[in-house]
Amino acid sequence: MSNEPDDVTNEIAGNGDNDETQSAAAGVHIRRAAPRDIPQLHKLLREVLEVHHRGRPDLFNTGVTKYTDDELAGILADDETPVFGMFAADDATLYGYAFCIFERHENSHILTDITTLYIDDICVDESARGRHVGTALYRHVLDFARESGCYNVTLNVWSCNPGAQAFYERMGLKPYKIGMEQIL
């Protein structure tokens, strides 16, 4: 996966109520993404890129792909980089995904040796927004992280994407570090 942080696209406006999320998710399921899902993953990855490009055209290209098919296949095959997707009941339509990366700081002199599940990228298809897909995916990632013995879940959000930041705050995330820049 890239070292560049990604964030959620302008996400759902759900209130996070669990019963509502479950009813909104009727007829869908979340599973690990597989190589057969690569074309749909590319589509959503382009949606994320366009959100970032609109917010920061000085940093993000447009009309390109983040990964090659081979790179995506490698990510999907690696248990250290799980990718989860929410699919229609017939498994033919991808409504959203969460790209994750296990991070550890073994043998660090300054950081404790914990396991973190870093969410590199969450995206909900534009046509599925407002249906609590992002909430369901995020909760699935939290459950997966707990089951995997993680200490925490982290992510980065671009300041040009306030909708994503608001979504993450509704999910209970709090800032733990802040990136800053000065354009020259």
N, C-alpha and C. Protein backbone atom coordinates (compact mmCIF):
# COMPACT_ATOMS: atom_id res chain seq x y z
N MET A 1 0.84 -1.18 0.00
CA MET A 1 0.00 0.00 0.00
C MET A 1 0.89 1.24 0.00
N SER A 2 0.36 2.30 -0.46
CA SER A 2 1.07 3.56 -0.49
C SER A 2 1.24 4.11 0.92
N ASN A 3 2.29 4.84 1.14
CA ASN A 3 2.48 5.51 2.42
C ASN A 3 1.66 6.78 2.50
N GLU A 4 1.09 7.22 1.39
CA GLU A 4 0.26 8.41 1.39
C GLU A 4 -1.07 8.07 2.04
N PRO A 5 -1.51 8.88 3.01
CA PRO A 5 -2.78 8.59 3.67
C PRO A 5 -3.96 8.95 2.80
N ASP A 6 -4.99 8.14 2.90
CA ASP A 6 -6.24 8.42 2.23
C ASP A 6 -7.32 8.55 3.29
N ASP A 7 -8.44 9.06 2.91
CA ASP A 7 -9.54 9.20 3.83
C ASP A 7 -10.83 8.85 3.11
N VAL A 8 -11.91 8.97 3.82
CA VAL A 8 -13.21 8.64 3.27
C VAL A 8 -13.67 9.76 2.34
N THR A 9 -14.40 9.41 1.33
CA THR A 9 -15.00 10.42 0.47
C THR A 9 -16.13 11.08 1.24
N ASN A 10 -16.75 12.09 0.69
CA ASN A 10 -17.88 12.72 1.39
C ASN A 10 -18.88 11.62 1.71
N GLU A 11 -18.94 11.27 2.97
CA GLU A 11 -19.53 10.05 3.44
C GLU A 11 -20.99 10.20 3.80
N ILE A 12 -21.48 9.17 4.42
CA ILE A 12 -22.88 9.11 4.80
C ILE A 12 -23.16 10.07 5.95
N ALA A 13 -24.38 10.43 6.08
CA ALA A 13 -24.78 11.35 7.14
C ALA A 13 -25.57 10.62 8.21
N GLY A 14 -25.34 9.34 8.36
CA GLY A 14 -26.09 8.53 9.31
C GLY A 14 -25.82 8.92 10.74
N ASN A 15 -26.76 8.59 11.61
CA ASN A 15 -26.61 8.93 13.02
C ASN A 15 -25.89 7.84 13.80
N GLY A 16 -25.54 6.75 13.16
CA GLY A 16 -24.79 5.71 13.83
C GLY A 16 -25.62 4.75 14.64
N ASP A 17 -26.94 4.87 14.62
CA ASP A 17 -27.79 3.97 15.38
C ASP A 17 -27.66 2.56 14.81
N ASN A 18 -27.30 1.61 15.67
CA ASN A 18 -27.00 0.26 15.23
C ASN A 18 -28.19 -0.41 14.55
N ASP A 19 -29.41 -0.28 15.12
CA ASP A 19 -30.56 -0.92 14.50
C ASP A 19 -30.81 -0.36 13.11
N GLU A 20 -30.66 0.97 12.97
CA GLU A 20 -30.87 1.58 11.68
C GLU A 20 -29.83 1.09 10.69
N THR A 21 -28.58 0.95 11.14
CA THR A 21 -27.52 0.48 10.25
C THR A 21 -27.82 -0.94 9.79
N GLN A 22 -28.26 -1.78 10.70
CA GLN A 22 -28.55 -3.16 10.32
C GLN A 22 -29.72 -3.21 9.34
N SER A 23 -30.78 -2.43 9.57
CA SER A 23 -31.90 -2.48 8.64
C SER A 23 -31.51 -1.90 7.30
N ALA A 24 -30.66 -0.87 7.30
CA ALA A 24 -30.21 -0.28 6.04
C ALA A 24 -29.34 -1.25 5.27
N ALA A 25 -28.72 -2.18 5.99
CA ALA A 25 -27.79 -3.11 5.36
C ALA A 25 -28.47 -4.43 4.97
N ALA A 26 -29.80 -4.50 5.11
CA ALA A 26 -30.49 -5.73 4.73
C ALA A 26 -30.22 -6.04 3.26
N GLY A 27 -29.93 -7.29 2.98
CA GLY A 27 -29.67 -7.70 1.61
C GLY A 27 -28.25 -7.44 1.15
N VAL A 28 -27.38 -7.06 2.07
CA VAL A 28 -25.97 -6.85 1.74
C VAL A 28 -25.12 -7.62 2.73
N HIS A 29 -23.85 -7.81 2.38
CA HIS A 29 -22.94 -8.47 3.30
C HIS A 29 -21.54 -7.89 3.13
N ILE A 30 -20.75 -8.03 4.18
CA ILE A 30 -19.36 -7.57 4.16
C ILE A 30 -18.47 -8.80 4.15
N ARG A 31 -17.47 -8.76 3.28
CA ARG A 31 -16.50 -9.86 3.20
C ARG A 31 -15.16 -9.28 2.75
N ARG A 32 -14.13 -10.10 2.88
CA ARG A 32 -12.82 -9.73 2.33
C ARG A 32 -12.95 -9.62 0.82
N ALA A 33 -12.36 -8.58 0.28
CA ALA A 33 -12.36 -8.41 -1.17
C ALA A 33 -11.45 -9.47 -1.79
N ALA A 34 -11.75 -9.84 -3.02
CA ALA A 34 -11.02 -10.89 -3.74
C ALA A 34 -10.60 -10.35 -5.11
N PRO A 35 -9.70 -11.05 -5.77
CA PRO A 35 -9.26 -10.58 -7.10
C PRO A 35 -10.40 -10.31 -8.08
N ARG A 36 -11.48 -11.07 -8.00
CA ARG A 36 -12.61 -10.83 -8.91
C ARG A 36 -13.25 -9.45 -8.69
N ASP A 37 -12.95 -8.80 -7.56
CA ASP A 37 -13.52 -7.49 -7.23
C ASP A 37 -12.66 -6.32 -7.73
N ILE A 38 -11.51 -6.61 -8.32
CA ILE A 38 -10.57 -5.56 -8.71
C ILE A 38 -11.21 -4.49 -9.60
N PRO A 39 -12.00 -4.81 -10.63
CA PRO A 39 -12.60 -3.75 -11.44
C PRO A 39 -13.47 -2.79 -10.62
N GLN A 40 -14.27 -3.34 -9.70
CA GLN A 40 -15.11 -2.47 -8.87
C GLN A 40 -14.28 -1.67 -7.88
N LEU A 41 -13.20 -2.26 -7.36
CA LEU A 41 -12.31 -1.51 -6.46
C LEU A 41 -11.70 -0.33 -7.20
N HIS A 42 -11.26 -0.55 -8.44
CA HIS A 42 -10.70 0.55 -9.24
C HIS A 42 -11.72 1.69 -9.39
N LYS A 43 -12.97 1.35 -9.63
CA LYS A 43 -14.00 2.39 -9.80
C LYS A 43 -14.10 3.26 -8.55
N LEU A 44 -14.15 2.62 -7.38
CA LEU A 44 -14.28 3.39 -6.14
C LEU A 44 -12.98 4.12 -5.80
N LEU A 45 -11.85 3.52 -6.09
CA LEU A 45 -10.57 4.21 -5.87
C LEU A 45 -10.51 5.50 -6.70
N ARG A 46 -11.06 5.47 -7.92
CA ARG A 46 -11.10 6.69 -8.74
C ARG A 46 -12.02 7.74 -8.11
N GLU A 47 -13.13 7.31 -7.51
CA GLU A 47 -14.02 8.26 -6.83
C GLU A 47 -13.28 8.97 -5.70
N VAL A 48 -12.52 8.22 -4.90
CA VAL A 48 -11.75 8.82 -3.82
C VAL A 48 -10.73 9.80 -4.37
N LEU A 49 -10.04 9.39 -5.41
CA LEU A 49 -9.03 10.26 -6.02
C LEU A 49 -9.65 11.57 -6.50
N GLU A 50 -10.83 11.50 -7.09
CA GLU A 50 -11.48 12.72 -7.59
C GLU A 50 -11.87 13.65 -6.45
N VAL A 51 -12.32 13.10 -5.33
CA VAL A 51 -12.63 13.94 -4.16
C VAL A 51 -11.36 14.65 -3.70
N HIS A 52 -10.27 13.92 -3.64
CA HIS A 52 -9.01 14.53 -3.21
C HIS A 52 -8.50 15.53 -4.23
N HIS A 53 -8.65 15.21 -5.50
CA HIS A 53 -8.20 16.13 -6.55
C HIS A 53 -8.99 17.44 -6.49
N ARG A 54 -10.30 17.35 -6.28
CA ARG A 54 -11.10 18.58 -6.18
C ARG A 54 -10.66 19.41 -4.98
N GLY A 55 -10.31 18.74 -3.89
CA GLY A 55 -9.89 19.46 -2.68
C GLY A 55 -8.48 19.99 -2.75
N ARG A 56 -7.58 19.23 -3.38
CA ARG A 56 -6.16 19.61 -3.45
C ARG A 56 -5.59 19.26 -4.82
N PRO A 57 -5.99 20.01 -5.87
CA PRO A 57 -5.47 19.70 -7.20
C PRO A 57 -3.96 19.91 -7.31
N ASP A 58 -3.39 20.63 -6.35
CA ASP A 58 -1.94 20.81 -6.35
C ASP A 58 -1.21 19.56 -5.90
N LEU A 59 -1.91 18.63 -5.25
CA LEU A 59 -1.28 17.41 -4.75
C LEU A 59 -1.75 16.15 -5.45
N PHE A 60 -3.03 16.10 -5.83
CA PHE A 60 -3.61 14.86 -6.36
C PHE A 60 -3.86 14.96 -7.86
N ASN A 61 -3.42 13.94 -8.58
CA ASN A 61 -3.70 13.82 -10.01
C ASN A 61 -5.16 13.45 -10.21
N THR A 62 -5.58 13.50 -11.44
CA THR A 62 -6.93 13.08 -11.80
C THR A 62 -6.83 12.12 -12.97
N GLY A 63 -7.82 11.24 -13.10
CA GLY A 63 -7.89 10.34 -14.23
C GLY A 63 -6.85 9.23 -14.24
N VAL A 64 -6.27 8.93 -13.10
CA VAL A 64 -5.28 7.86 -13.01
C VAL A 64 -5.78 6.79 -12.05
N THR A 65 -5.08 5.68 -11.98
CA THR A 65 -5.41 4.64 -11.02
C THR A 65 -4.34 4.63 -9.93
N LYS A 66 -4.76 4.35 -8.72
CA LYS A 66 -3.84 4.32 -7.58
C LYS A 66 -2.94 3.10 -7.65
N TYR A 67 -3.47 1.98 -8.10
CA TYR A 67 -2.74 0.72 -8.14
C TYR A 67 -2.93 0.06 -9.51
N THR A 68 -1.97 -0.74 -9.89
CA THR A 68 -2.16 -1.62 -11.04
C THR A 68 -2.98 -2.82 -10.58
N ASP A 69 -3.47 -3.60 -11.54
CA ASP A 69 -4.18 -4.83 -11.17
C ASP A 69 -3.29 -5.76 -10.35
N ASP A 70 -2.02 -5.86 -10.74
CA ASP A 70 -1.09 -6.73 -10.01
C ASP A 70 -0.86 -6.23 -8.59
N GLU A 71 -0.73 -4.92 -8.42
CA GLU A 71 -0.56 -4.37 -7.07
C GLU A 71 -1.79 -4.64 -6.21
N LEU A 72 -2.98 -4.43 -6.78
CA LEU A 72 -4.20 -4.72 -6.03
C LEU A 72 -4.30 -6.20 -5.68
N ALA A 73 -3.95 -7.07 -6.61
CA ALA A 73 -3.99 -8.51 -6.33
C ALA A 73 -3.05 -8.85 -5.18
N GLY A 74 -1.88 -8.23 -5.13
CA GLY A 74 -0.93 -8.45 -4.04
C GLY A 74 -1.48 -7.97 -2.71
N ILE A 75 -2.12 -6.81 -2.70
CA ILE A 75 -2.73 -6.28 -1.48
C ILE A 75 -3.81 -7.23 -0.99
N LEU A 76 -4.67 -7.69 -1.89
CA LEU A 76 -5.78 -8.57 -1.51
C LEU A 76 -5.30 -9.91 -0.99
N ALA A 77 -4.16 -10.37 -1.44
CA ALA A 77 -3.63 -11.67 -1.03
C ALA A 77 -2.87 -11.62 0.29
N ASP A 78 -2.54 -10.43 0.77
CA ASP A 78 -1.70 -10.25 1.94
C ASP A 78 -2.55 -10.08 3.20
N ASP A 79 -2.40 -10.97 4.17
CA ASP A 79 -3.16 -10.87 5.41
C ASP A 79 -2.79 -9.64 6.24
N GLU A 80 -1.68 -8.99 5.93
CA GLU A 80 -1.28 -7.76 6.63
C GLU A 80 -1.97 -6.53 6.07
N THR A 81 -2.67 -6.69 4.92
CA THR A 81 -3.37 -5.57 4.30
C THR A 81 -4.80 -5.99 3.92
N PRO A 82 -5.61 -6.33 4.91
CA PRO A 82 -6.97 -6.78 4.58
C PRO A 82 -7.81 -5.66 3.96
N VAL A 83 -8.60 -6.04 2.97
CA VAL A 83 -9.53 -5.13 2.32
C VAL A 83 -10.92 -5.73 2.47
N PHE A 84 -11.84 -4.95 3.02
CA PHE A 84 -13.21 -5.41 3.22
C PHE A 84 -14.13 -4.66 2.29
N GLY A 85 -15.11 -5.34 1.75
CA GLY A 85 -16.09 -4.71 0.88
C GLY A 85 -17.49 -5.04 1.33
N MET A 86 -18.40 -4.09 1.11
CA MET A 86 -19.82 -4.35 1.33
C MET A 86 -20.43 -4.58 -0.04
N PHE A 87 -21.02 -5.76 -0.18
CA PHE A 87 -21.55 -6.21 -1.46
C PHE A 87 -23.05 -6.43 -1.39
N ALA A 88 -23.70 -6.32 -2.54
CA ALA A 88 -25.11 -6.67 -2.66
C ALA A 88 -25.26 -8.16 -2.39
N ALA A 89 -26.47 -8.58 -2.09
CA ALA A 89 -26.72 -9.98 -1.76
C ALA A 89 -26.25 -10.93 -2.85
N ASP A 90 -26.34 -10.49 -4.10
CA ASP A 90 -25.91 -11.36 -5.21
C ASP A 90 -24.39 -11.31 -5.41
N ASP A 91 -23.69 -10.54 -4.59
CA ASP A 91 -22.23 -10.43 -4.61
C ASP A 91 -21.71 -9.74 -5.88
N ALA A 92 -22.60 -9.11 -6.64
CA ALA A 92 -22.20 -8.52 -7.92
C ALA A 92 -21.90 -7.02 -7.82
N THR A 93 -22.40 -6.34 -6.81
CA THR A 93 -22.23 -4.89 -6.70
C THR A 93 -21.49 -4.55 -5.43
N LEU A 94 -20.41 -3.78 -5.56
CA LEU A 94 -19.64 -3.29 -4.43
C LEU A 94 -20.15 -1.91 -4.05
N TYR A 95 -20.66 -1.77 -2.82
CA TYR A 95 -21.18 -0.49 -2.35
C TYR A 95 -20.12 0.34 -1.65
N GLY A 96 -19.11 -0.30 -1.10
CA GLY A 96 -18.06 0.43 -0.40
C GLY A 96 -16.97 -0.51 0.03
N TYR A 97 -15.81 0.07 0.39
CA TYR A 97 -14.68 -0.74 0.82
C TYR A 97 -13.94 -0.05 1.95
N ALA A 98 -13.10 -0.84 2.63
CA ALA A 98 -12.16 -0.33 3.63
C ALA A 98 -10.83 -1.06 3.41
N PHE A 99 -9.80 -0.32 3.02
CA PHE A 99 -8.44 -0.85 2.91
C PHE A 99 -7.77 -0.66 4.26
N CYS A 100 -7.19 -1.71 4.81
CA CYS A 100 -6.57 -1.65 6.13
C CYS A 100 -5.13 -2.16 6.07
N ILE A 101 -4.33 -1.75 7.06
CA ILE A 101 -2.94 -2.19 7.16
C ILE A 101 -2.63 -2.41 8.64
N PHE A 102 -2.11 -3.59 8.96
CA PHE A 102 -1.61 -3.81 10.32
C PHE A 102 -0.28 -3.07 10.48
N GLU A 103 -0.15 -2.33 11.57
CA GLU A 103 1.09 -1.62 11.86
C GLU A 103 1.59 -2.04 13.24
N ARG A 104 2.89 -2.24 13.33
CA ARG A 104 3.54 -2.56 14.60
C ARG A 104 4.83 -1.77 14.69
N HIS A 105 5.22 -1.45 15.90
CA HIS A 105 6.46 -0.70 16.11
C HIS A 105 7.42 -1.53 16.96
N GLU A 106 7.70 -2.73 16.47
CA GLU A 106 8.60 -3.62 17.19
C GLU A 106 10.00 -3.01 17.25
N ASN A 107 10.65 -3.18 18.36
CA ASN A 107 12.02 -2.72 18.58
C ASN A 107 12.19 -1.21 18.45
N SER A 108 11.12 -0.45 18.63
CA SER A 108 11.22 1.01 18.61
C SER A 108 11.72 1.48 19.98
N HIS A 109 12.56 2.47 19.95
CA HIS A 109 13.06 3.03 21.21
C HIS A 109 12.06 3.99 21.83
N ILE A 110 11.14 4.53 21.03
CA ILE A 110 10.24 5.54 21.58
C ILE A 110 8.76 5.13 21.58
N LEU A 111 8.38 4.17 20.77
CA LEU A 111 6.97 3.78 20.70
C LEU A 111 6.77 2.41 21.35
N THR A 112 5.63 2.27 22.01
CA THR A 112 5.33 0.98 22.63
C THR A 112 5.02 -0.04 21.54
N ASP A 113 5.18 -1.30 21.88
CA ASP A 113 4.99 -2.39 20.92
C ASP A 113 3.52 -2.82 20.94
N ILE A 114 2.69 -2.04 20.24
CA ILE A 114 1.27 -2.36 20.12
C ILE A 114 0.97 -2.68 18.66
N THR A 115 -0.15 -3.30 18.44
CA THR A 115 -0.62 -3.55 17.07
C THR A 115 -1.77 -2.59 16.79
N THR A 116 -1.64 -1.87 15.70
CA THR A 116 -2.64 -0.92 15.25
C THR A 116 -3.21 -1.40 13.93
N LEU A 117 -4.50 -1.23 13.74
CA LEU A 117 -5.07 -1.44 12.42
C LEU A 117 -5.30 -0.05 11.83
N TYR A 118 -4.49 0.28 10.84
CA TYR A 118 -4.57 1.57 10.17
C TYR A 118 -5.54 1.44 9.00
N ILE A 119 -6.53 2.32 8.95
CA ILE A 119 -7.47 2.35 7.83
C ILE A 119 -6.88 3.29 6.80
N ASP A 120 -6.37 2.71 5.73
CA ASP A 120 -5.71 3.49 4.69
C ASP A 120 -6.73 4.20 3.81
N ASP A 121 -7.91 3.62 3.67
CA ASP A 121 -8.86 4.18 2.72
C ASP A 121 -10.24 3.59 2.99
N ILE A 122 -11.24 4.44 3.07
CA ILE A 122 -12.63 4.00 3.09
C ILE A 122 -13.35 4.77 1.99
N CYS A 123 -14.18 4.08 1.26
CA CYS A 123 -14.97 4.75 0.24
C CYS A 123 -16.34 4.10 0.16
N VAL A 124 -17.35 4.94 -0.01
CA VAL A 124 -18.71 4.47 -0.28
C VAL A 124 -19.08 4.98 -1.66
N ASP A 125 -19.57 4.08 -2.51
CA ASP A 125 -19.99 4.47 -3.85
C ASP A 125 -20.97 5.63 -3.78
N GLU A 126 -20.82 6.57 -4.70
CA GLU A 126 -21.69 7.75 -4.70
C GLU A 126 -23.17 7.37 -4.69
N SER A 127 -23.53 6.31 -5.38
CA SER A 127 -24.94 5.90 -5.46
C SER A 127 -25.44 5.26 -4.17
N ALA A 128 -24.56 4.89 -3.25
CA ALA A 128 -24.96 4.22 -2.01
C ALA A 128 -24.85 5.11 -0.78
N ARG A 129 -24.46 6.34 -0.98
CA ARG A 129 -24.28 7.23 0.17
C ARG A 129 -25.63 7.54 0.82
N GLY A 130 -25.59 7.72 2.13
CA GLY A 130 -26.80 7.97 2.89
C GLY A 130 -27.50 6.72 3.35
N ARG A 131 -26.92 5.55 3.03
CA ARG A 131 -27.55 4.28 3.42
C ARG A 131 -26.75 3.55 4.49
N HIS A 132 -25.88 4.23 5.19
CA HIS A 132 -25.12 3.70 6.33
C HIS A 132 -24.11 2.63 5.95
N VAL A 133 -23.68 2.64 4.70
CA VAL A 133 -22.65 1.70 4.26
C VAL A 133 -21.34 1.99 4.99
N GLY A 134 -20.96 3.26 5.08
CA GLY A 134 -19.72 3.63 5.77
C GLY A 134 -19.74 3.23 7.23
N THR A 135 -20.87 3.44 7.89
CA THR A 135 -20.99 3.05 9.30
C THR A 135 -20.82 1.54 9.46
N ALA A 136 -21.48 0.77 8.61
CA ALA A 136 -21.38 -0.69 8.70
C ALA A 136 -19.95 -1.15 8.43
N LEU A 137 -19.31 -0.58 7.42
CA LEU A 137 -17.92 -0.95 7.13
C LEU A 137 -17.00 -0.60 8.29
N TYR A 138 -17.15 0.60 8.84
CA TYR A 138 -16.29 1.02 9.94
C TYR A 138 -16.49 0.10 11.15
N ARG A 139 -17.72 -0.22 11.48
CA ARG A 139 -17.98 -1.12 12.61
C ARG A 139 -17.41 -2.51 12.35
N HIS A 140 -17.47 -2.97 11.11
CA HIS A 140 -16.87 -4.26 10.76
C HIS A 140 -15.36 -4.21 10.99
N VAL A 141 -14.74 -3.13 10.56
CA VAL A 141 -13.29 -2.97 10.77
C VAL A 141 -12.97 -2.96 12.26
N LEU A 142 -13.77 -2.26 13.06
CA LEU A 142 -13.53 -2.25 14.52
C LEU A 142 -13.62 -3.66 15.10
N ASP A 143 -14.64 -4.40 14.72
CA ASP A 143 -14.78 -5.78 15.21
C ASP A 143 -13.59 -6.63 14.78
N PHE A 144 -13.18 -6.50 13.53
CA PHE A 144 -12.03 -7.24 13.02
C PHE A 144 -10.77 -6.88 13.81
N ALA A 145 -10.57 -5.60 14.08
CA ALA A 145 -9.39 -5.16 14.84
C ALA A 145 -9.40 -5.75 16.25
N ARG A 146 -10.55 -5.72 16.90
CA ARG A 146 -10.66 -6.30 18.25
C ARG A 146 -10.34 -7.79 18.22
N GLU A 147 -10.93 -8.50 17.27
CA GLU A 147 -10.70 -9.95 17.15
C GLU A 147 -9.24 -10.26 16.83
N SER A 148 -8.56 -9.33 16.19
CA SER A 148 -7.15 -9.52 15.81
C SER A 148 -6.20 -9.08 16.90
N GLY A 149 -6.72 -8.63 18.04
CA GLY A 149 -5.88 -8.22 19.16
C GLY A 149 -5.25 -6.84 19.03
N CYS A 150 -5.84 -5.99 18.21
CA CYS A 150 -5.29 -4.64 18.04
C CYS A 150 -5.57 -3.78 19.26
N TYR A 151 -4.66 -2.87 19.52
CA TYR A 151 -4.81 -1.89 20.58
C TYR A 151 -5.73 -0.76 20.14
N ASN A 152 -5.58 -0.34 18.87
CA ASN A 152 -6.36 0.79 18.37
C ASN A 152 -6.55 0.69 16.87
N VAL A 153 -7.39 1.59 16.37
CA VAL A 153 -7.61 1.78 14.94
C VAL A 153 -7.28 3.23 14.65
N THR A 154 -6.50 3.48 13.60
CA THR A 154 -6.14 4.85 13.24
C THR A 154 -6.43 5.10 11.77
N LEU A 155 -6.45 6.35 11.39
CA LEU A 155 -6.59 6.75 10.00
C LEU A 155 -6.15 8.20 9.88
N ASN A 156 -6.03 8.65 8.66
CA ASN A 156 -5.74 10.05 8.36
C ASN A 156 -6.90 10.60 7.55
N VAL A 157 -7.17 11.88 7.72
CA VAL A 157 -8.21 12.54 6.95
C VAL A 157 -7.65 13.85 6.42
N TRP A 158 -7.90 14.14 5.17
CA TRP A 158 -7.43 15.39 4.57
C TRP A 158 -8.34 16.53 5.01
N SER A 159 -7.73 17.67 5.34
CA SER A 159 -8.52 18.81 5.81
C SER A 159 -9.43 19.36 4.72
N CYS A 160 -9.17 19.04 3.46
CA CYS A 160 -10.03 19.48 2.36
C CYS A 160 -11.28 18.60 2.24
N ASN A 161 -11.48 17.69 3.18
CA ASN A 161 -12.62 16.78 3.16
C ASN A 161 -13.35 16.83 4.50
N PRO A 162 -13.99 17.97 4.80
CA PRO A 162 -14.64 18.11 6.12
C PRO A 162 -15.78 17.12 6.34
N GLY A 163 -16.43 16.65 5.28
CA GLY A 163 -17.48 15.65 5.44
C GLY A 163 -16.93 14.35 6.01
N ALA A 164 -15.75 13.97 5.55
CA ALA A 164 -15.11 12.76 6.07
C ALA A 164 -14.74 12.94 7.53
N GLN A 165 -14.18 14.10 7.86
CA GLN A 165 -13.80 14.34 9.25
C GLN A 165 -15.02 14.29 10.15
N ALA A 166 -16.12 14.89 9.73
CA ALA A 166 -17.34 14.86 10.54
C ALA A 166 -17.84 13.43 10.71
N PHE A 167 -17.78 12.63 9.64
CA PHE A 167 -18.20 11.23 9.74
C PHE A 167 -17.36 10.49 10.77
N TYR A 168 -16.03 10.64 10.69
CA TYR A 168 -15.15 9.95 11.63
C TYR A 168 -15.41 10.39 13.07
N GLU A 169 -15.66 11.67 13.27
CA GLU A 169 -15.96 12.14 14.62
C GLU A 169 -17.26 11.52 15.13
N ARG A 170 -18.26 11.39 14.25
CA ARG A 170 -19.51 10.72 14.67
C ARG A 170 -19.26 9.27 15.04
N MET A 171 -18.27 8.64 14.40
CA MET A 171 -17.94 7.25 14.70
C MET A 171 -17.15 7.13 16.00
N GLY A 172 -16.74 8.24 16.59
CA GLY A 172 -16.03 8.22 17.87
C GLY A 172 -14.53 8.43 17.78
N LEU A 173 -14.01 8.66 16.59
CA LEU A 173 -12.57 8.91 16.44
C LEU A 173 -12.21 10.30 16.95
N LYS A 174 -11.01 10.40 17.50
CA LYS A 174 -10.50 11.67 18.01
C LYS A 174 -9.12 11.90 17.41
N PRO A 175 -8.75 13.16 17.14
CA PRO A 175 -7.40 13.41 16.61
C PRO A 175 -6.34 12.93 17.60
N TYR A 176 -5.28 12.32 17.07
CA TYR A 176 -4.15 11.92 17.91
C TYR A 176 -2.85 12.51 17.42
N LYS A 177 -2.80 13.03 16.22
CA LYS A 177 -1.69 13.82 15.73
C LYS A 177 -2.21 14.66 14.58
N ILE A 178 -1.56 15.75 14.29
CA ILE A 178 -2.01 16.66 13.25
C ILE A 178 -0.86 16.92 12.30
N GLY A 179 -1.08 16.73 11.01
CA GLY A 179 -0.09 17.06 9.99
C GLY A 179 -0.25 18.52 9.57
N MET A 180 0.84 19.18 9.35
CA MET A 180 0.80 20.58 8.98
C MET A 180 1.72 20.81 7.78
N GLU A 181 1.46 21.88 7.03
CA GLU A 181 2.30 22.21 5.88
C GLU A 181 2.41 23.70 5.72
N GLN A 182 3.42 24.11 4.98
CA GLN A 182 3.57 25.49 4.50
C GLN A 182 3.98 25.37 3.03
N ILE A 183 3.11 25.84 2.14
CA ILE A 183 3.40 25.76 0.72
C ILE A 183 4.41 26.85 0.37
N LEU A 184 5.43 26.49 -0.37
CA LEU A 184 6.48 27.44 -0.74
C LEU A 184 6.31 27.98 -2.15
